Every structure is written in structure tokens, then in C-alpha cells.
PDB file of N, CA and C in Angstrom:
ATOM      1  N   MET A   1      31.098 -23.083 -38.460  1.00  0.00           N
ATOM      2  CA  MET A   1      30.473 -24.197 -39.089  1.00  0.00           C
ATOM      3  C   MET A   1      31.500 -25.238 -39.331  1.00  0.00           C
ATOM      4  N   SER A   2      31.144 -26.510 -39.040  1.00  0.00           N
ATOM      5  CA  SER A   2      31.853 -27.704 -39.314  1.00  0.00           C
ATOM      6  C   SER A   2      32.272 -27.828 -40.761  1.00  0.00           C
ATOM      7  N   ASP A   3      33.384 -28.511 -40.997  1.00  0.00           N
ATOM      8  CA  ASP A   3      33.703 -28.868 -42.331  1.00  0.00           C
ATOM      9  C   ASP A   3      32.812 -29.845 -42.965  1.00  0.00           C
ATOM     10  N   MET A   4      32.251 -30.678 -42.213  1.00  0.00           N
ATOM     11  CA  MET A   4      31.171 -31.657 -42.759  1.00  0.00           C
ATOM     12  C   MET A   4      29.930 -30.964 -43.176  1.00  0.00           C
ATOM     13  N   LEU A   5      29.491 -30.040 -42.427  1.00  0.00           N
ATOM     14  CA  LEU A   5      28.305 -29.252 -42.664  1.00  0.00           C
ATOM     15  C   LEU A   5      28.385 -28.461 -44.016  1.00  0.00           C
ATOM     16  N   GLU A   6      29.624 -27.842 -43.989  1.00  0.00           N
ATOM     17  CA  GLU A   6      29.958 -26.999 -45.159  1.00  0.00           C
ATOM     18  C   GLU A   6      30.005 -27.879 -46.427  1.00  0.00           C
ATOM     19  N   LYS A   7      30.622 -29.019 -46.314  1.00  0.00           N
ATOM     20  CA  LYS A   7      30.676 -30.007 -47.542  1.00  0.00           C
ATOM     21  C   LYS A   7      29.353 -30.426 -47.868  1.00  0.00           C
ATOM     22  N   GLY A   8      28.450 -30.728 -46.857  1.00  0.00           N
ATOM     23  CA  GLY A   8      27.028 -31.176 -47.100  1.00  0.00           C
ATOM     24  C   GLY A   8      26.256 -30.128 -47.750  1.00  0.00           C
ATOM     25  N   ARG A   9      26.513 -28.865 -47.414  1.00  0.00           N
ATOM     26  CA  ARG A   9      25.695 -27.770 -48.072  1.00  0.00           C
ATOM     27  C   ARG A   9      26.199 -27.603 -49.444  1.00  0.00           C
ATOM     28  N   GLU A  10      27.534 -27.762 -49.738  1.00  0.00           N
ATOM     29  CA  GLU A  10      28.065 -27.734 -51.069  1.00  0.00           C
ATOM     30  C   GLU A  10      27.275 -28.840 -51.928  1.00  0.00           C
ATOM     31  N   ILE A  11      27.246 -29.944 -51.301  1.00  0.00           N
ATOM     32  CA  ILE A  11      26.550 -31.137 -52.188  1.00  0.00           C
ATOM     33  C   ILE A  11      25.106 -30.798 -52.370  1.00  0.00           C
ATOM     34  N   LEU A  12      24.364 -30.332 -51.321  1.00  0.00           N
ATOM     35  CA  LEU A  12      22.984 -29.987 -51.540  1.00  0.00           C
ATOM     36  C   LEU A  12      22.806 -28.971 -52.632  1.00  0.00           C
ATOM     37  N   SER A  13      23.664 -27.878 -52.752  1.00  0.00           N
ATOM     38  CA  SER A  13      23.648 -26.812 -53.624  1.00  0.00           C
ATOM     39  C   SER A  13      23.739 -27.362 -55.153  1.00  0.00           C
ATOM     40  N   GLN A  14      24.173 -28.593 -55.287  1.00  0.00           N
ATOM     41  CA  GLN A  14      24.225 -29.151 -56.656  1.00  0.00           C
ATOM     42  C   GLN A  14      23.099 -30.002 -56.990  1.00  0.00           C
ATOM     43  N   GLN A  15      22.124 -30.018 -56.134  1.00  0.00           N
ATOM     44  CA  GLN A  15      20.823 -30.900 -56.387  1.00  0.00           C
ATOM     45  C   GLN A  15      19.747 -29.944 -56.850  1.00  0.00           C
ATOM     46  N   SER A  16      19.460 -29.913 -58.154  1.00  0.00           N
ATOM     47  CA  SER A  16      18.496 -29.028 -58.789  1.00  0.00           C
ATOM     48  C   SER A  16      17.037 -29.145 -58.141  1.00  0.00           C
ATOM     49  N   PHE A  17      16.812 -30.387 -57.760  1.00  0.00           N
ATOM     50  CA  PHE A  17      15.381 -30.560 -57.092  1.00  0.00           C
ATOM     51  C   PHE A  17      15.403 -29.867 -55.740  1.00  0.00           C
ATOM     52  N   SER A  18      16.465 -30.126 -55.014  1.00  0.00           N
ATOM     53  CA  SER A  18      16.541 -29.464 -53.642  1.00  0.00           C
ATOM     54  C   SER A  18      16.520 -27.958 -53.728  1.00  0.00           C
ATOM     55  N   LEU A  19      17.171 -27.540 -54.745  1.00  0.00           N
ATOM     56  CA  LEU A  19      17.180 -25.882 -54.876  1.00  0.00           C
ATOM     57  C   LEU A  19      15.799 -25.484 -55.234  1.00  0.00           C
ATOM     58  N   LEU A  20      15.160 -26.231 -56.093  1.00  0.00           N
ATOM     59  CA  LEU A  20      13.716 -25.952 -56.524  1.00  0.00           C
ATOM     60  C   LEU A  20      12.923 -25.770 -55.261  1.00  0.00           C
ATOM     61  N   LEU A  21      12.949 -26.790 -54.341  1.00  0.00           N
ATOM     62  CA  LEU A  21      12.123 -26.767 -53.140  1.00  0.00           C
ATOM     63  C   LEU A  21      12.630 -25.775 -52.091  1.00  0.00           C
ATOM     64  N   GLY A  22      13.884 -25.298 -52.165  1.00  0.00           N
ATOM     65  CA  GLY A  22      14.299 -24.312 -51.289  1.00  0.00           C
ATOM     66  C   GLY A  22      14.802 -25.056 -49.990  1.00  0.00           C
ATOM     67  N   THR A  23      15.380 -26.257 -50.093  1.00  0.00           N
ATOM     68  CA  THR A  23      15.851 -27.019 -49.056  1.00  0.00           C
ATOM     69  C   THR A  23      17.038 -26.485 -48.426  1.00  0.00           C
ATOM     70  N   LYS A  24      17.240 -26.514 -47.086  1.00  0.00           N
ATOM     71  CA  LYS A  24      18.399 -26.132 -46.314  1.00  0.00           C
ATOM     72  C   LYS A  24      18.911 -27.291 -45.523  1.00  0.00           C
ATOM     73  N   LEU A  25      20.210 -27.488 -45.412  1.00  0.00           N
ATOM     74  CA  LEU A  25      20.828 -28.484 -44.570  1.00  0.00           C
ATOM     75  C   LEU A  25      21.163 -27.715 -43.264  1.00  0.00           C
ATOM     76  N   GLN A  26      20.439 -28.108 -42.204  1.00  0.00           N
ATOM     77  CA  GLN A  26      20.597 -27.363 -40.906  1.00  0.00           C
ATOM     78  C   GLN A  26      21.704 -27.986 -40.123  1.00  0.00           C
ATOM     79  N   ALA A  27      21.836 -29.286 -40.134  1.00  0.00           N
ATOM     80  CA  ALA A  27      22.776 -30.031 -39.313  1.00  0.00           C
ATOM     81  C   ALA A  27      23.260 -31.180 -40.151  1.00  0.00           C
ATOM     82  N   PHE A  28      24.628 -31.542 -39.887  1.00  0.00           N
ATOM     83  CA  PHE A  28      25.152 -32.660 -40.591  1.00  0.00           C
ATOM     84  C   PHE A  28      26.468 -33.139 -39.855  1.00  0.00           C
ATOM     85  N   GLU A  29      26.305 -34.354 -39.367  1.00  0.00           N
ATOM     86  CA  GLU A  29      27.494 -35.138 -38.718  1.00  0.00           C
ATOM     87  C   GLU A  29      27.351 -36.530 -38.998  1.00  0.00           C
ATOM     88  N   ALA A  30      28.388 -37.205 -38.542  1.00  0.00           N
ATOM     89  CA  ALA A  30      28.410 -38.645 -38.776  1.00  0.00           C
ATOM     90  C   ALA A  30      27.175 -39.332 -38.339  1.00  0.00           C
ATOM     91  N   GLY A  31      26.505 -39.906 -39.343  1.00  0.00           N
ATOM     92  CA  GLY A  31      25.213 -40.729 -39.070  1.00  0.00           C
ATOM     93  C   GLY A  31      23.966 -39.869 -38.828  1.00  0.00           C
ATOM     94  N   SER A  32      24.044 -38.473 -39.095  1.00  0.00           N
ATOM     95  CA  SER A  32      22.942 -37.576 -38.873  1.00  0.00           C
ATOM     96  C   SER A  32      22.867 -36.582 -39.710  1.00  0.00           C
ATOM     97  N   ALA A  33      21.697 -36.201 -40.285  1.00  0.00           N
ATOM     98  CA  ALA A  33      21.403 -34.987 -41.096  1.00  0.00           C
ATOM     99  C   ALA A  33      20.104 -34.439 -40.804  1.00  0.00           C
ATOM    100  N   GLU A  34      20.036 -33.061 -40.864  1.00  0.00           N
ATOM    101  CA  GLU A  34      18.674 -32.412 -40.632  1.00  0.00           C
ATOM    102  C   GLU A  34      18.555 -31.456 -41.845  1.00  0.00           C
ATOM    103  N   LEU A  35      17.512 -31.694 -42.438  1.00  0.00           N
ATOM    104  CA  LEU A  35      17.046 -30.890 -43.654  1.00  0.00           C
ATOM    105  C   LEU A  35      15.721 -30.037 -43.255  1.00  0.00           C
ATOM    106  N   SER A  36      15.513 -28.889 -43.821  1.00  0.00           N
ATOM    107  CA  SER A  36      14.342 -28.177 -43.562  1.00  0.00           C
ATOM    108  C   SER A  36      13.993 -27.424 -44.981  1.00  0.00           C
ATOM    109  N   LEU A  37      12.736 -27.150 -45.023  1.00  0.00           N
ATOM    110  CA  LEU A  37      12.240 -26.237 -46.079  1.00  0.00           C
ATOM    111  C   LEU A  37      10.984 -25.694 -45.664  1.00  0.00           C
ATOM    112  N   GLU A  38      10.737 -24.480 -46.172  1.00  0.00           N
ATOM    113  CA  GLU A  38       9.481 -23.744 -45.971  1.00  0.00           C
ATOM    114  C   GLU A  38       8.335 -24.460 -46.662  1.00  0.00           C
ATOM    115  N   ILE A  39       7.278 -24.782 -45.932  1.00  0.00           N
ATOM    116  CA  ILE A  39       6.113 -25.395 -46.619  1.00  0.00           C
ATOM    117  C   ILE A  39       5.202 -24.308 -47.220  1.00  0.00           C
ATOM    118  N   ARG A  40       5.518 -23.830 -48.567  1.00  0.00           N
ATOM    119  CA  ARG A  40       4.761 -22.872 -49.214  1.00  0.00           C
ATOM    120  C   ARG A  40       3.513 -23.432 -49.834  1.00  0.00           C
ATOM    121  N   ASP A  41       2.583 -22.562 -50.201  1.00  0.00           N
ATOM    122  CA  ASP A  41       1.373 -23.064 -50.678  1.00  0.00           C
ATOM    123  C   ASP A  41       1.448 -24.086 -51.899  1.00  0.00           C
ATOM    124  N   ASP A  42       2.540 -23.867 -52.624  1.00  0.00           N
ATOM    125  CA  ASP A  42       2.712 -24.836 -53.825  1.00  0.00           C
ATOM    126  C   ASP A  42       3.248 -26.096 -53.571  1.00  0.00           C
ATOM    127  N   LEU A  43       3.486 -26.413 -52.211  1.00  0.00           N
ATOM    128  CA  LEU A  43       3.934 -27.566 -51.702  1.00  0.00           C
ATOM    129  C   LEU A  43       3.003 -28.317 -50.876  1.00  0.00           C
ATOM    130  N   LYS A  44       1.783 -27.865 -50.965  1.00  0.00           N
ATOM    131  CA  LYS A  44       0.806 -28.397 -50.141  1.00  0.00           C
ATOM    132  C   LYS A  44      -0.249 -29.165 -50.941  1.00  0.00           C
ATOM    133  N   GLN A  45      -0.922 -30.138 -50.378  1.00  0.00           N
ATOM    134  CA  GLN A  45      -1.907 -30.814 -51.191  1.00  0.00           C
ATOM    135  C   GLN A  45      -3.287 -29.962 -50.922  1.00  0.00           C
ATOM    136  N   ASN A  46      -4.257 -30.550 -51.508  1.00  0.00           N
ATOM    137  CA  ASN A  46      -5.600 -29.843 -51.556  1.00  0.00           C
ATOM    138  C   ASN A  46      -6.216 -29.535 -50.146  1.00  0.00           C
ATOM    139  N   ASN A  47      -5.747 -30.200 -49.087  1.00  0.00           N
ATOM    140  CA  ASN A  47      -6.402 -29.963 -47.828  1.00  0.00           C
ATOM    141  C   ASN A  47      -5.525 -29.049 -46.980  1.00  0.00           C
ATOM    142  N   GLY A  48      -4.512 -28.666 -47.583  1.00  0.00           N
ATOM    143  CA  GLY A  48      -3.545 -27.620 -46.995  1.00  0.00           C
ATOM    144  C   GLY A  48      -2.374 -28.168 -46.152  1.00  0.00           C
ATOM    145  N   PHE A  49      -2.269 -29.440 -46.178  1.00  0.00           N
ATOM    146  CA  PHE A  49      -1.123 -30.095 -45.561  1.00  0.00           C
ATOM    147  C   PHE A  49       0.053 -30.222 -46.578  1.00  0.00           C
ATOM    148  N   ALA A  50       1.320 -30.414 -45.969  1.00  0.00           N
ATOM    149  CA  ALA A  50       2.516 -30.671 -46.813  1.00  0.00           C
ATOM    150  C   ALA A  50       2.138 -32.014 -47.738  1.00  0.00           C
ATOM    151  N   HIS A  51       2.505 -31.777 -48.960  1.00  0.00           N
ATOM    152  CA  HIS A  51       2.271 -32.884 -49.822  1.00  0.00           C
ATOM    153  C   HIS A  51       3.191 -34.152 -49.460  1.00  0.00           C
ATOM    154  N   GLY A  52       2.633 -35.375 -49.543  1.00  0.00           N
ATOM    155  CA  GLY A  52       3.422 -36.521 -49.145  1.00  0.00           C
ATOM    156  C   GLY A  52       4.714 -36.662 -49.869  1.00  0.00           C
ATOM    157  N   GLY A  53       4.738 -36.292 -51.147  1.00  0.00           N
ATOM    158  CA  GLY A  53       6.068 -36.269 -51.939  1.00  0.00           C
ATOM    159  C   GLY A  53       7.091 -35.365 -51.322  1.00  0.00           C
ATOM    160  N   VAL A  54       6.728 -34.265 -50.724  1.00  0.00           N
ATOM    161  CA  VAL A  54       7.645 -33.429 -50.199  1.00  0.00           C
ATOM    162  C   VAL A  54       8.212 -34.001 -48.808  1.00  0.00           C
ATOM    163  N   VAL A  55       7.305 -34.494 -48.046  1.00  0.00           N
ATOM    164  CA  VAL A  55       7.779 -35.223 -46.739  1.00  0.00           C
ATOM    165  C   VAL A  55       8.616 -36.382 -47.079  1.00  0.00           C
ATOM    166  N   SER A  56       8.200 -37.267 -48.065  1.00  0.00           N
ATOM    167  CA  SER A  56       9.083 -38.363 -48.413  1.00  0.00           C
ATOM    168  C   SER A  56      10.435 -37.937 -49.072  1.00  0.00           C
ATOM    169  N   TYR A  57      10.482 -36.774 -49.785  1.00  0.00           N
ATOM    170  CA  TYR A  57      11.703 -36.316 -50.346  1.00  0.00           C
ATOM    171  C   TYR A  57      12.684 -36.014 -49.132  1.00  0.00           C
ATOM    172  N   LEU A  58      12.098 -35.300 -48.111  1.00  0.00           N
ATOM    173  CA  LEU A  58      12.957 -34.899 -46.980  1.00  0.00           C
ATOM    174  C   LEU A  58      13.472 -36.064 -46.280  1.00  0.00           C
ATOM    175  N   ALA A  59      12.628 -37.073 -46.032  1.00  0.00           N
ATOM    176  CA  ALA A  59      13.109 -38.361 -45.334  1.00  0.00           C
ATOM    177  C   ALA A  59      14.206 -38.948 -46.190  1.00  0.00           C
ATOM    178  N   ASP A  60      13.987 -39.081 -47.625  1.00  0.00           N
ATOM    179  CA  ASP A  60      14.850 -39.907 -48.333  1.00  0.00           C
ATOM    180  C   ASP A  60      16.261 -39.200 -48.328  1.00  0.00           C
ATOM    181  N   ASN A  61      16.168 -37.731 -48.457  1.00  0.00           N
ATOM    182  CA  ASN A  61      17.459 -37.074 -48.687  1.00  0.00           C
ATOM    183  C   ASN A  61      18.164 -37.111 -47.259  1.00  0.00           C
ATOM    184  N   CYS A  62      17.551 -37.091 -46.183  1.00  0.00           N
ATOM    185  CA  CYS A  62      18.179 -37.147 -44.861  1.00  0.00           C
ATOM    186  C   CYS A  62      18.824 -38.525 -44.741  1.00  0.00           C
ATOM    187  N   ILE A  63      18.133 -39.517 -45.068  1.00  0.00           N
ATOM    188  CA  ILE A  63      18.799 -40.892 -44.985  1.00  0.00           C
ATOM    189  C   ILE A  63      19.970 -40.919 -45.894  1.00  0.00           C
ATOM    190  N   THR A  64      19.807 -40.450 -47.126  1.00  0.00           N
ATOM    191  CA  THR A  64      20.984 -40.435 -47.988  1.00  0.00           C
ATOM    192  C   THR A  64      22.223 -39.722 -47.390  1.00  0.00           C
ATOM    193  N   PHE A  65      22.062 -38.443 -46.914  1.00  0.00           N
ATOM    194  CA  PHE A  65      23.128 -37.788 -46.391  1.00  0.00           C
ATOM    195  C   PHE A  65      23.623 -38.467 -45.086  1.00  0.00           C
ATOM    196  N   ALA A  66      22.782 -39.041 -44.259  1.00  0.00           N
ATOM    197  CA  ALA A  66      23.273 -39.652 -42.902  1.00  0.00           C
ATOM    198  C   ALA A  66      24.041 -40.952 -43.309  1.00  0.00           C
ATOM    199  N   GLY A  67      23.517 -41.716 -44.264  1.00  0.00           N
ATOM    200  CA  GLY A  67      24.146 -43.016 -44.614  1.00  0.00           C
ATOM    201  C   GLY A  67      25.490 -42.703 -45.360  1.00  0.00           C
ATOM    202  N   ALA A  68      25.495 -41.776 -46.144  1.00  0.00           N
ATOM    203  CA  ALA A  68      26.825 -41.517 -46.913  1.00  0.00           C
ATOM    204  C   ALA A  68      27.894 -40.980 -45.956  1.00  0.00           C
ATOM    205  N   SER A  69      27.447 -40.214 -44.850  1.00  0.00           N
ATOM    206  CA  SER A  69      28.374 -39.732 -43.889  1.00  0.00           C
ATOM    207  C   SER A  69      29.160 -40.822 -43.185  1.00  0.00           C
ATOM    208  N   VAL A  70      28.591 -42.026 -43.007  1.00  0.00           N
ATOM    209  CA  VAL A  70      29.255 -43.106 -42.400  1.00  0.00           C
ATOM    210  C   VAL A  70      29.771 -44.127 -43.427  1.00  0.00           C
ATOM    211  N   LEU A  71      29.185 -44.376 -44.412  1.00  0.00           N
ATOM    212  CA  LEU A  71      29.551 -45.354 -45.469  1.00  0.00           C
ATOM    213  C   LEU A  71      30.844 -44.787 -46.179  1.00  0.00           C
ATOM    214  N   ALA A  72      30.985 -43.478 -46.372  1.00  0.00           N
ATOM    215  CA  ALA A  72      32.234 -43.024 -47.044  1.00  0.00           C
ATOM    216  C   ALA A  72      33.504 -43.265 -46.153  1.00  0.00           C
ATOM    217  N   LYS A  73      33.371 -43.423 -44.940  1.00  0.00           N
ATOM    218  CA  LYS A  73      34.454 -43.736 -44.133  1.00  0.00           C
ATOM    219  C   LYS A  73      35.019 -45.072 -44.198  1.00  0.00           C
ATOM    220  N   THR A  74      34.052 -46.003 -44.725  1.00  0.00           N
ATOM    221  CA  THR A  74      34.567 -47.479 -44.791  1.00  0.00           C
ATOM    222  C   THR A  74      34.890 -47.737 -46.235  1.00  0.00           C
ATOM    223  N   ALA A  75      34.629 -46.854 -47.148  1.00  0.00           N
ATOM    224  CA  ALA A  75      34.891 -47.209 -48.602  1.00  0.00           C
ATOM    225  C   ALA A  75      36.331 -46.898 -48.935  1.00  0.00           C
TER     226      ALA A  75
END
């Protein structure tokens, strides 16, 4: 496992909402992040699809990880 992925997982483990959802950081490198989570029944809307809030959370957190991975190098 890369140092970057290990550090990313450490950061994710400090996010209580991410822990609540059961999020896992699958890949993390400069400019890129991949998060996953099991779509359980309690994360679905009434028609059985993943709730939009869950989908937007994944997109938002991926963007945050990916952006921070390159912005931190210039700061």
C-alpha cells in the first residue's frame, strides 16, 4: 500500500459521517481518489435506488481528497 493511500485512509477514519456510512478509500494518488460504500437498505430512497445525498457525498468527498492531494503540494 502506498504512503498516500495509507495517509488518506487515516484521514477518512477521522470523519465520523464517513464512518457512519461505512466508506472505504479504495485508491488515492495525486489528483485522484476512489471511494466506495455498500448501498444498504438504509441508504436507499423509497424506490430502492441509492439516495441522492449518498451519491453527492461520495462525489464531494472524492473531489476533496483529489483536490487536496495536489493543492497540498503547492501550499
